[in-house]
Amino acid sequence: SLERTWSSLLSRRKVKLVMDKWKFTSVNFRGHEIDLDGIFNNLISNSVDAFKRPDAGDKREIKLSFSFNPLEANGINVVYEDSGPGLEEEIIDPNQIFQPFFTTKRDERTGEKIGTGLGMWIVKSTIDEYNGDIEFLTVRPNFKIKLVLPHH
């Protein structure tokens, strides 16, 4: 589970992961668990990095909430949010973060760009593959997005 995978790193970084206890198991999600892992691993990894920034406050919380409406075609809604500083000021259009090789991560000593810039591109590509949707709810401060995954 996501919580098990991340718990030791997150507790070392003093980050709290809150997941509402609604479970995916009751939904026939037509997809691969590894794809969902890819989405959440990239999101959590970015949040953890954002908490390290000088403009990050003391509150370090990542929250995942799931909802499911079998009557709606769009199926599973996932709201992912963190209490970090949000997207860097240099990002004018939040959709930039989905471009391949786009990164704002810098080496603290040299100021050189680091990171592949593929994390959020992977998130977007995976959601697109499932004909889902991503909506920005808050971009700064804090980061909050809604992912919609169709079900069958």
Protein backbone atom coordinates (compact mmCIF):
# COMPACT_ATOMS: atom_id res chain seq x y z
CA SER A 1 0.00 0.00 0.00
CA LEU A 2 0.99 3.61 -0.53
CA GLU A 3 1.08 4.30 3.19
CA ARG A 4 3.49 1.42 3.84
CA THR A 5 5.74 2.36 0.94
CA TRP A 6 6.11 5.97 2.04
CA SER A 7 5.73 5.83 5.83
CA SER A 8 9.40 5.65 6.84
CA LEU A 9 10.61 8.37 4.46
CA LEU A 10 7.68 10.62 5.34
CA SER A 11 8.13 10.19 9.08
CA ARG A 12 11.85 10.99 8.76
CA ARG A 13 10.87 14.19 6.93
CA LYS A 14 8.13 14.86 9.50
CA VAL A 15 5.46 14.73 6.81
CA LYS A 16 2.02 13.42 7.70
CA LEU A 17 0.13 11.40 5.07
CA VAL A 18 -3.63 11.49 5.59
CA MET A 19 -5.77 9.14 3.54
CA ASP A 20 -9.47 8.89 4.01
CA LYS A 21 -10.30 5.26 4.50
CA TRP A 22 -12.45 4.85 1.43
CA LYS A 23 -10.96 1.94 -0.48
CA PHE A 24 -10.34 1.41 -4.17
CA THR A 25 -11.09 -2.29 -3.73
CA SER A 26 -14.83 -1.74 -4.02
CA VAL A 27 -14.41 -0.21 -7.47
CA ASN A 28 -13.77 -2.03 -10.68
CA PHE A 29 -11.00 0.31 -11.79
CA ARG A 30 -10.13 -0.75 -15.29
CA GLY A 31 -6.43 -0.26 -15.05
CA HIS A 32 -3.15 -1.34 -13.56
CA GLU A 33 -2.19 -0.74 -9.97
CA ILE A 34 1.31 0.16 -11.15
CA ASP A 35 -0.15 3.14 -13.05
CA LEU A 36 -1.84 4.41 -9.91
CA ASP A 37 1.41 3.92 -7.99
CA GLY A 38 3.20 5.97 -10.65
CA ILE A 39 0.74 8.81 -10.25
CA PHE A 40 0.87 8.94 -6.46
CA ASN A 41 4.61 8.31 -6.17
CA ASN A 42 5.34 11.28 -8.44
CA LEU A 43 2.89 13.55 -6.61
CA ILE A 44 4.20 12.60 -3.16
CA SER A 45 7.81 12.94 -4.29
CA ASN A 46 7.11 16.49 -5.53
CA SER A 47 5.35 17.42 -2.29
CA VAL A 48 8.27 16.13 -0.21
CA ASP A 49 10.64 18.26 -2.31
CA ALA A 50 8.39 21.32 -1.95
CA PHE A 51 8.43 21.00 1.85
CA LYS A 52 12.22 21.49 1.71
CA ARG A 53 11.90 24.92 0.08
CA PRO A 54 12.67 28.01 2.17
CA ASP A 55 9.14 29.34 1.55
CA ALA A 56 7.55 26.16 2.96
CA GLY A 57 5.81 26.63 6.30
CA ASP A 58 5.99 24.30 9.28
CA LYS A 59 2.89 22.33 8.44
CA ARG A 60 3.82 19.26 6.42
CA GLU A 61 0.75 17.33 5.43
CA ILE A 62 -0.28 15.40 2.34
CA LYS A 63 -3.91 14.45 2.04
CA LEU A 64 -5.59 12.05 -0.34
CA SER A 65 -9.36 11.74 -0.55
CA PHE A 66 -11.26 9.40 -2.80
CA SER A 67 -14.88 9.52 -3.83
CA PHE A 68 -16.83 7.33 -6.16
CA ASN A 69 -20.19 7.83 -7.79
CA PRO A 70 -21.29 4.74 -9.75
CA LEU A 71 -23.97 6.83 -11.47
CA GLU A 72 -21.44 9.23 -12.95
CA ALA A 73 -19.51 8.26 -16.04
CA ASN A 74 -16.36 9.79 -14.61
CA GLY A 75 -16.26 7.30 -11.78
CA ILE A 76 -13.41 7.84 -9.35
CA ASN A 77 -12.48 11.28 -8.08
CA VAL A 78 -9.23 11.68 -6.22
CA VAL A 79 -8.31 14.95 -4.54
CA TYR A 80 -4.60 15.22 -3.78
CA GLU A 81 -3.40 18.13 -1.67
CA ASP A 82 -0.38 19.20 0.30
CA SER A 83 0.22 22.02 2.77
CA GLY A 84 3.44 23.09 1.04
CA PRO A 85 4.27 26.39 -0.68
CA GLY A 86 2.66 25.33 -3.97
CA LEU A 87 4.03 25.87 -7.45
CA GLU A 88 7.08 28.12 -7.82
CA GLU A 89 6.30 31.77 -8.65
CA GLU A 90 8.05 31.39 -12.03
CA ILE A 91 5.25 29.06 -13.18
CA ILE A 92 2.70 31.31 -14.86
CA ASP A 93 0.46 28.60 -16.34
CA PRO A 94 0.14 25.56 -14.05
CA ASN A 95 -0.18 23.32 -17.11
CA GLN A 96 3.54 23.95 -17.74
CA ILE A 97 4.29 21.33 -15.09
CA PHE A 98 2.92 18.65 -17.42
CA GLN A 99 5.43 19.41 -20.17
CA PRO A 100 8.18 16.79 -20.51
CA PHE A 101 11.54 17.85 -18.99
CA PHE A 102 9.98 20.84 -17.20
CA THR A 103 11.60 21.23 -13.77
CA THR A 104 12.04 23.98 -11.22
CA LYS A 105 14.24 21.85 -8.95
CA ARG A 106 17.66 23.36 -8.38
CA ASP A 107 20.83 22.14 -6.73
CA GLU A 108 21.08 24.15 -3.50
CA ARG A 109 24.82 24.78 -3.93
CA THR A 110 25.18 25.39 -7.66
CA GLY A 111 21.70 26.56 -8.66
CA GLU A 112 21.83 24.07 -11.56
CA LYS A 113 18.56 22.48 -12.67
CA ILE A 114 18.17 18.97 -11.31
CA GLY A 115 15.46 16.35 -11.66
CA THR A 116 14.26 14.80 -14.91
CA GLY A 117 11.18 16.97 -15.22
CA LEU A 118 9.24 13.85 -16.14
CA GLY A 119 7.26 13.20 -12.94
CA MET A 120 4.21 15.33 -13.70
CA TRP A 121 4.41 14.46 -17.39
CA ILE A 122 4.05 10.79 -16.34
CA VAL A 123 1.08 11.69 -14.13
CA LYS A 124 -0.64 13.53 -17.01
CA SER A 125 0.18 10.86 -19.60
CA THR A 126 -1.22 8.12 -17.37
CA ILE A 127 -4.43 10.04 -16.70
CA ASP A 128 -4.78 10.76 -20.44
CA GLU A 129 -4.26 7.08 -21.23
CA TYR A 130 -7.28 6.26 -19.07
CA ASN A 131 -9.27 9.13 -20.63
CA GLY A 132 -9.33 10.80 -17.26
CA ASP A 133 -8.96 14.41 -16.30
CA ILE A 134 -6.84 16.64 -14.05
CA GLU A 135 -8.06 19.90 -12.60
CA PHE A 136 -6.00 22.37 -10.56
CA LEU A 137 -7.89 23.46 -7.45
CA THR A 138 -5.09 25.43 -5.70
CA VAL A 139 -1.61 26.17 -7.03
CA ARG A 140 -0.08 28.40 -4.31
CA PRO A 141 0.33 28.46 -1.44
CA ASN A 142 -0.50 24.77 -1.06
CA PHE A 143 -1.05 22.46 -3.99
CA LYS A 144 -4.37 20.77 -4.63
CA ILE A 145 -5.53 18.89 -7.69
CA LYS A 146 -8.46 16.71 -8.59
CA LEU A 147 -7.88 13.60 -10.67
CA VAL A 148 -10.83 11.95 -12.39
CA LEU A 149 -10.51 8.34 -13.49
CA PRO A 150 -13.30 6.68 -15.48
CA HIS A 151 -14.54 3.28 -14.36
CA HIS A 152 -16.23 0.38 -16.08
